[in-house]
Protein backbone atom coordinates (compact mmCIF):
# COMPACT_ATOMS: atom_id res chain seq x y z
CA MET A 1 9.01 -30.82 -23.79
CA THR A 2 11.48 -33.12 -25.15
CA ASN A 3 11.79 -33.62 -29.26
CA THR A 4 13.03 -36.64 -30.87
CA SER A 5 13.82 -37.19 -34.37
CA ALA A 6 14.99 -40.58 -36.18
CA ALA A 7 16.50 -41.14 -39.32
CA THR A 8 17.83 -44.92 -40.68
CA SER A 9 21.51 -45.60 -40.44
CA PRO A 10 23.44 -48.61 -42.13
CA ALA A 11 25.02 -49.00 -38.76
CA THR A 12 24.24 -52.20 -36.66
CA ALA A 13 25.49 -51.04 -32.86
CA ALA A 14 23.11 -51.93 -30.01
CA ALA A 15 23.55 -48.25 -29.09
CA ALA A 16 26.12 -45.55 -29.08
CA THR A 17 26.76 -42.16 -28.52
CA LEU A 18 27.67 -39.44 -31.18
CA PRO A 19 29.86 -36.76 -30.58
CA ALA A 20 28.64 -33.10 -29.68
CA ALA A 21 27.68 -30.68 -32.28
CA THR A 22 28.09 -27.00 -32.02
CA THR A 23 27.15 -24.97 -28.15
CA GLY A 24 26.17 -22.00 -26.85
CA PRO A 25 23.25 -20.73 -24.43
CA PHE A 26 20.99 -20.88 -27.15
CA VAL A 27 22.27 -23.90 -28.81
CA ARG A 28 22.55 -27.21 -27.06
CA PRO A 29 23.92 -30.62 -29.14
CA SER A 30 21.20 -33.36 -29.16
CA ARG A 31 21.31 -36.82 -27.55
CA CYS A 32 21.42 -39.11 -29.84
CA THR A 33 21.46 -43.01 -29.79
CA ILE A 34 21.28 -45.40 -32.39
CA VAL A 35 18.97 -48.70 -31.92
CA GLN A 36 18.74 -51.52 -34.19
CA GLY A 37 20.28 -49.55 -36.80
CA THR A 38 17.95 -46.13 -36.55
CA THR A 39 19.58 -42.84 -34.81
CA HIS A 40 17.30 -41.30 -32.42
CA CYS A 41 17.88 -38.63 -31.30
CA THR A 42 16.38 -36.05 -28.27
CA CYS A 43 16.89 -32.79 -26.44
CA GLU A 44 16.73 -30.87 -23.24
CA PRO A 45 13.45 -29.93 -22.14
CA GLY A 46 12.76 -26.35 -23.71
CA TYR A 47 15.04 -26.63 -26.93
CA THR A 48 13.68 -28.74 -30.18
CA ILE A 49 15.71 -30.05 -33.00
CA SER A 50 16.68 -28.39 -35.84
CA GLY A 51 19.21 -29.01 -38.45
CA ARG A 52 18.59 -31.95 -41.13
CA ASP A 53 21.47 -33.60 -39.36
CA SER A 54 19.19 -33.75 -36.15
CA ASN A 55 22.53 -33.15 -34.04
CA THR A 56 21.51 -29.62 -32.81
CA CYS A 57 19.00 -28.30 -30.74
CA THR A 58 17.99 -24.94 -30.60
CA ASP A 59 16.07 -23.11 -27.77
CA ILE A 60 12.10 -22.31 -27.92
CA ASP A 61 11.04 -19.11 -27.86
CA GLU A 62 8.06 -19.87 -25.36
CA CYS A 63 7.67 -15.80 -25.20
CA GLU A 64 7.20 -15.66 -28.99
CA LEU A 65 5.26 -19.05 -29.37
CA PHE A 66 2.37 -17.66 -26.83
CA HIS A 67 2.31 -14.20 -27.92
CA ASN A 68 -0.54 -13.95 -30.03
CA GLY A 69 -3.94 -13.63 -28.13
CA GLN A 70 -4.29 -12.48 -24.37
CA ALA A 71 -5.52 -16.13 -23.28
CA GLY A 72 -2.30 -17.81 -24.54
CA ARG A 73 0.25 -14.90 -23.06
CA LEU A 74 2.73 -16.69 -20.91
CA CYS A 75 3.30 -12.73 -18.85
CA LEU A 76 0.52 -10.04 -17.77
CA HIS A 77 3.76 -7.71 -19.00
CA THR A 78 6.63 -8.61 -20.38
CA CYS A 79 8.53 -12.10 -21.26
CA VAL A 80 11.70 -12.67 -21.62
CA ASN A 81 13.16 -15.86 -23.05
CA THR A 82 16.07 -17.49 -21.61
CA PRO A 83 18.12 -20.70 -22.62
CA GLY A 84 15.44 -23.46 -22.56
CA GLY A 85 12.69 -21.43 -20.50
CA TYR A 86 11.41 -17.91 -20.08
CA ARG A 87 11.03 -15.60 -17.23
CA CYS A 88 8.11 -12.78 -16.90
CA SER A 89 8.98 -9.22 -15.46
CA CYS A 90 7.42 -6.65 -13.82
CA PRO A 91 7.43 -2.77 -14.59
CA VAL A 92 8.85 -0.39 -11.69
CA GLY A 93 6.33 0.11 -8.86
CA TYR A 94 5.07 -3.44 -9.08
CA ASN A 95 6.39 -7.08 -8.18
CA VAL A 96 6.11 -10.27 -9.36
CA THR A 97 3.81 -12.51 -7.79
CA ARG A 98 4.02 -16.26 -7.09
CA ASP A 99 2.93 -17.49 -9.73
CA GLY A 100 5.55 -16.17 -12.15
CA ARG A 101 3.42 -14.44 -14.38
CA SER A 102 1.34 -11.60 -12.16
CA CYS A 103 2.35 -7.91 -11.24
CA LYS A 104 1.35 -6.76 -8.05
CA ASP A 105 1.51 -2.93 -7.07
CA ILE A 106 4.08 -2.02 -4.38
CA ASP A 107 2.23 0.17 -2.08
CA GLU A 108 4.59 2.73 -1.77
CA CYS A 109 3.07 4.72 1.11
CA ALA A 110 2.67 1.70 3.06
CA THR A 111 6.66 0.41 2.88
CA ARG A 112 7.31 4.24 3.38
CA GLN A 113 9.42 3.83 -0.73
CA ASN A 114 8.06 7.43 -1.25
CA ASN A 115 9.47 11.33 -0.90
CA CYS A 116 6.20 12.93 0.48
CA THR A 117 6.65 15.81 2.94
CA LYS A 118 5.08 15.92 5.93
CA ASP A 119 2.76 18.48 4.84
CA GLN A 120 1.73 16.04 2.07
CA MET A 121 -0.56 13.08 2.07
CA CYS A 122 1.01 10.24 0.18
CA ILE A 123 -1.83 8.49 -2.20
CA ASN A 124 -0.77 4.83 -3.74
CA THR A 125 -1.56 4.79 -7.22
CA TYR A 126 -1.34 1.47 -9.77
CA GLY A 127 2.67 1.04 -10.31
CA GLY A 128 3.52 4.65 -7.95
CA PHE A 129 2.23 7.05 -5.68
CA GLN A 130 1.04 10.84 -5.65
CA CYS A 131 2.19 13.82 -2.81
CA VAL A 132 -0.81 16.02 -2.77
CA ARG A 133 -1.66 18.58 -0.17
CA VAL A 134 -5.03 19.89 0.05
CA ASP A 135 -5.44 23.68 0.85
CA CYS A 136 -8.35 25.72 1.49
CA PRO A 137 -9.74 27.55 -0.79
CA LYS A 138 -9.68 31.06 -1.39
CA ILE A 139 -13.02 32.71 -2.75
CA PRO A 140 -14.35 36.73 -2.23
CA ASN A 141 -16.76 37.17 0.61
CA ALA A 142 -16.04 34.14 2.33
CA THR A 143 -13.26 32.57 4.45
CA TYR A 144 -12.46 28.90 5.24
CA VAL A 145 -10.75 26.45 7.62
CA LYS A 146 -9.60 23.18 7.50
CA THR A 147 -11.66 21.20 10.09
CA SER A 148 -10.16 17.47 8.94
CA PRO A 149 -7.21 16.56 6.36
CA MET A 150 -9.64 16.12 3.36
CA ARG A 151 -12.10 19.09 4.25
CA CYS A 152 -12.51 22.72 4.45
CA GLU A 153 -15.70 24.42 6.14
CA ARG A 154 -16.81 28.15 5.24
CA ASN A 155 -16.81 30.80 8.40
CA PRO A 156 -20.18 31.52 9.59
CA CYS A 157 -20.93 34.44 7.24
CA PRO A 158 -21.89 38.06 8.84
CA VAL A 159 -25.09 38.57 9.33
CA ASP A 160 -27.62 39.76 6.11
CA ASN A 161 -24.11 38.83 4.10
CA LYS A 162 -25.48 37.57 1.00
CA ALA A 163 -22.29 37.20 -1.03
CA CYS A 164 -21.27 34.82 1.41
CA SER A 165 -24.16 32.76 1.87
CA GLN A 166 -24.42 32.06 -1.11
CA THR A 167 -20.46 30.32 -1.14
CA PRO A 168 -20.12 26.81 -1.03
CA ASN A 169 -20.67 25.54 2.78
CA SER A 170 -17.78 23.26 2.62
CA PHE A 171 -15.39 21.60 0.54
CA SER A 172 -14.10 17.90 0.75
CA TYR A 173 -11.29 16.30 -1.38
CA HIS A 174 -10.79 12.80 -2.20
CA TYR A 175 -8.15 10.83 -4.20
CA LEU A 176 -9.01 7.39 -6.46
CA ALA A 177 -6.42 5.33 -8.32
CA VAL A 178 -7.32 3.30 -10.92
CA VAL A 179 -5.79 1.06 -13.85
CA SER A 180 -5.81 2.37 -17.62
CA ASN A 181 -8.92 1.47 -19.55
CA LEU A 182 -11.58 0.40 -16.48
CA SER A 183 -14.47 -0.77 -18.43
CA ALA A 184 -17.49 1.82 -18.24
CA PRO A 185 -20.04 3.02 -16.89
CA ARG A 186 -19.25 2.14 -13.77
CA VAL A 187 -19.68 4.44 -10.24
CA MET A 188 -16.91 5.65 -9.08
CA PHE A 189 -17.89 7.69 -6.01
CA ARG A 190 -21.11 8.34 -3.73
CA VAL A 191 -22.08 11.85 -2.32
CA SER A 192 -24.86 11.81 0.45
CA ALA A 193 -26.46 13.72 2.85
CA LEU A 194 -26.26 12.65 6.48
CA ARG A 195 -28.83 14.90 8.02
CA PRO A 196 -31.00 16.84 4.44
CA MET A 197 -32.27 20.24 5.33
CA GLY A 198 -35.21 21.24 3.31
CA ASP A 199 -37.35 19.40 1.03
CA THR A 200 -34.98 18.76 -2.40
CA LEU A 201 -31.46 17.81 -2.65
CA ARG A 202 -29.90 18.11 -6.06
CA PHE A 203 -26.36 17.04 -7.83
CA SER A 204 -24.39 17.99 -10.53
CA LEU A 205 -21.37 17.95 -12.15
CA LEU A 206 -19.28 20.87 -12.04
CA GLY A 207 -15.89 21.48 -14.60
CA GLY A 208 -15.14 21.77 -17.95
CA ARG A 209 -15.74 19.57 -21.09
CA GLN A 210 -12.82 16.85 -19.96
CA ALA A 211 -14.76 16.28 -16.91
CA ARG A 212 -17.95 16.30 -18.93
CA ARG A 213 -16.12 13.72 -21.28
CA HIS A 214 -15.62 11.26 -19.04
CA PHE A 215 -17.87 11.69 -16.33
CA THR A 216 -22.09 12.20 -15.08
CA VAL A 217 -23.59 12.43 -11.89
CA GLN A 218 -26.73 10.20 -11.28
CA ARG A 219 -29.26 9.83 -8.66
CA SER A 220 -29.16 6.62 -6.76
CA ASP A 221 -31.96 7.85 -4.19
CA ARG A 222 -33.17 10.64 -2.59
CA VAL A 223 -30.17 11.57 -0.12
CA THR A 224 -27.55 10.17 -2.37
CA GLY A 225 -25.45 11.21 -5.75
CA GLN A 226 -23.44 9.06 -7.96
CA LEU A 227 -20.00 10.24 -9.83
CA MET A 228 -20.40 8.01 -12.84
CA LEU A 229 -17.35 7.11 -15.29
CA VAL A 230 -19.13 7.07 -18.43
CA SER A 231 -16.21 6.05 -21.08
CA PRO A 232 -12.96 4.58 -20.51
CA VAL A 233 -9.62 6.85 -19.82
CA GLN A 234 -6.29 5.56 -21.55
CA GLY A 235 -3.47 6.23 -19.31
CA PRO A 236 -1.43 7.79 -17.34
CA ALA A 237 -3.48 10.90 -16.79
CA THR A 238 -5.54 12.48 -14.15
CA LEU A 239 -8.99 13.48 -13.85
CA GLU A 240 -10.77 15.98 -11.76
CA ALA A 241 -14.19 16.23 -11.19
CA GLU A 242 -16.69 18.41 -8.45
CA VAL A 243 -20.09 17.14 -7.59
CA GLU A 244 -21.86 19.92 -5.90
CA MET A 245 -24.81 18.92 -3.52
CA SER A 246 -27.40 21.86 -3.40
CA GLU A 247 -30.27 21.60 -0.49
CA LEU A 248 -33.04 23.97 -1.21
CA GLU A 249 -36.60 24.32 0.64
CA ARG A 250 -39.33 25.40 -1.56
CA ARG A 251 -36.54 26.37 -4.26
CA VAL A 252 -34.97 28.49 -1.76
CA GLN A 253 -31.19 27.62 -1.59
CA LEU A 254 -30.18 26.91 1.73
CA GLY A 255 -26.68 25.41 1.29
CA ARG A 256 -24.31 24.35 -1.29
CA TYR A 257 -21.62 21.17 -0.56
CA ILE A 258 -18.26 20.54 -2.96
CA THR A 259 -16.97 17.09 -3.39
CA LYS A 260 -13.70 17.56 -5.40
CA VAL A 261 -12.48 13.76 -6.78
CA THR A 262 -9.23 13.37 -7.97
CA MET A 263 -8.53 10.04 -10.26
CA PHE A 264 -5.32 8.61 -10.91
CA VAL A 265 -4.95 6.73 -13.92
CA SER A 266 -1.99 4.53 -14.36
CA GLN A 267 -0.61 3.37 -17.92
CA TYR A 268 -0.86 0.27 -17.33
CA GLU A 269 -4.27 -2.29 -17.62
CA PHE A 270 -3.02 -4.14 -13.99
């Protein structure tokens, strides 16, 4: 933007350039000319006339000027005022996008910018990453074996071992990355039975007070349950929820399947 100021002068020269004023990175001399006795002063883009004599231009702080109101913000994260302009910066774990204003998450897992070991799995999160290791649970009366990187299944129970048959048939593990203050309610995860046995499927939420504060389980159809986020979560935070799917035949339990969902919440809303 170019700022102009005019002042009357007894000078009669057709045009003249006035001497420079004090200069610096955020202070520049104005460009003044005298035309038909009137002084006209202008500034470089990003500066505005200051002082009574109009000989000085000061930097416009665009960051402060557009700070109030989300719609008027110049940068998604941090605005840095510079002489005659501004630039946007992003937190660690993000890159500035091509528009120069937004931030894009760096996938440390895909780009191998992580320190996870060979026996760990890298989970990309917004602004960072998590190294996780899935170990099968140790439960009395039953043993489990890992059948895939994210699943453990119970070994066959001895005949007539009721205590073993009442333990979960399997555990599956899933990891979600979300931004801070994600709007709710919304579906975060679905659990389904591919080949249901029995005449009834039941879905329930396990866990403590924290899980029930933020989650609930709803049925979406006969064979599918949904883990619902019921309230926004301020990051950074890590939440865990367990969804149990039970198969029954005439109210007799045929099997139990546990899905463990871990949600990594970023400290940022992008």
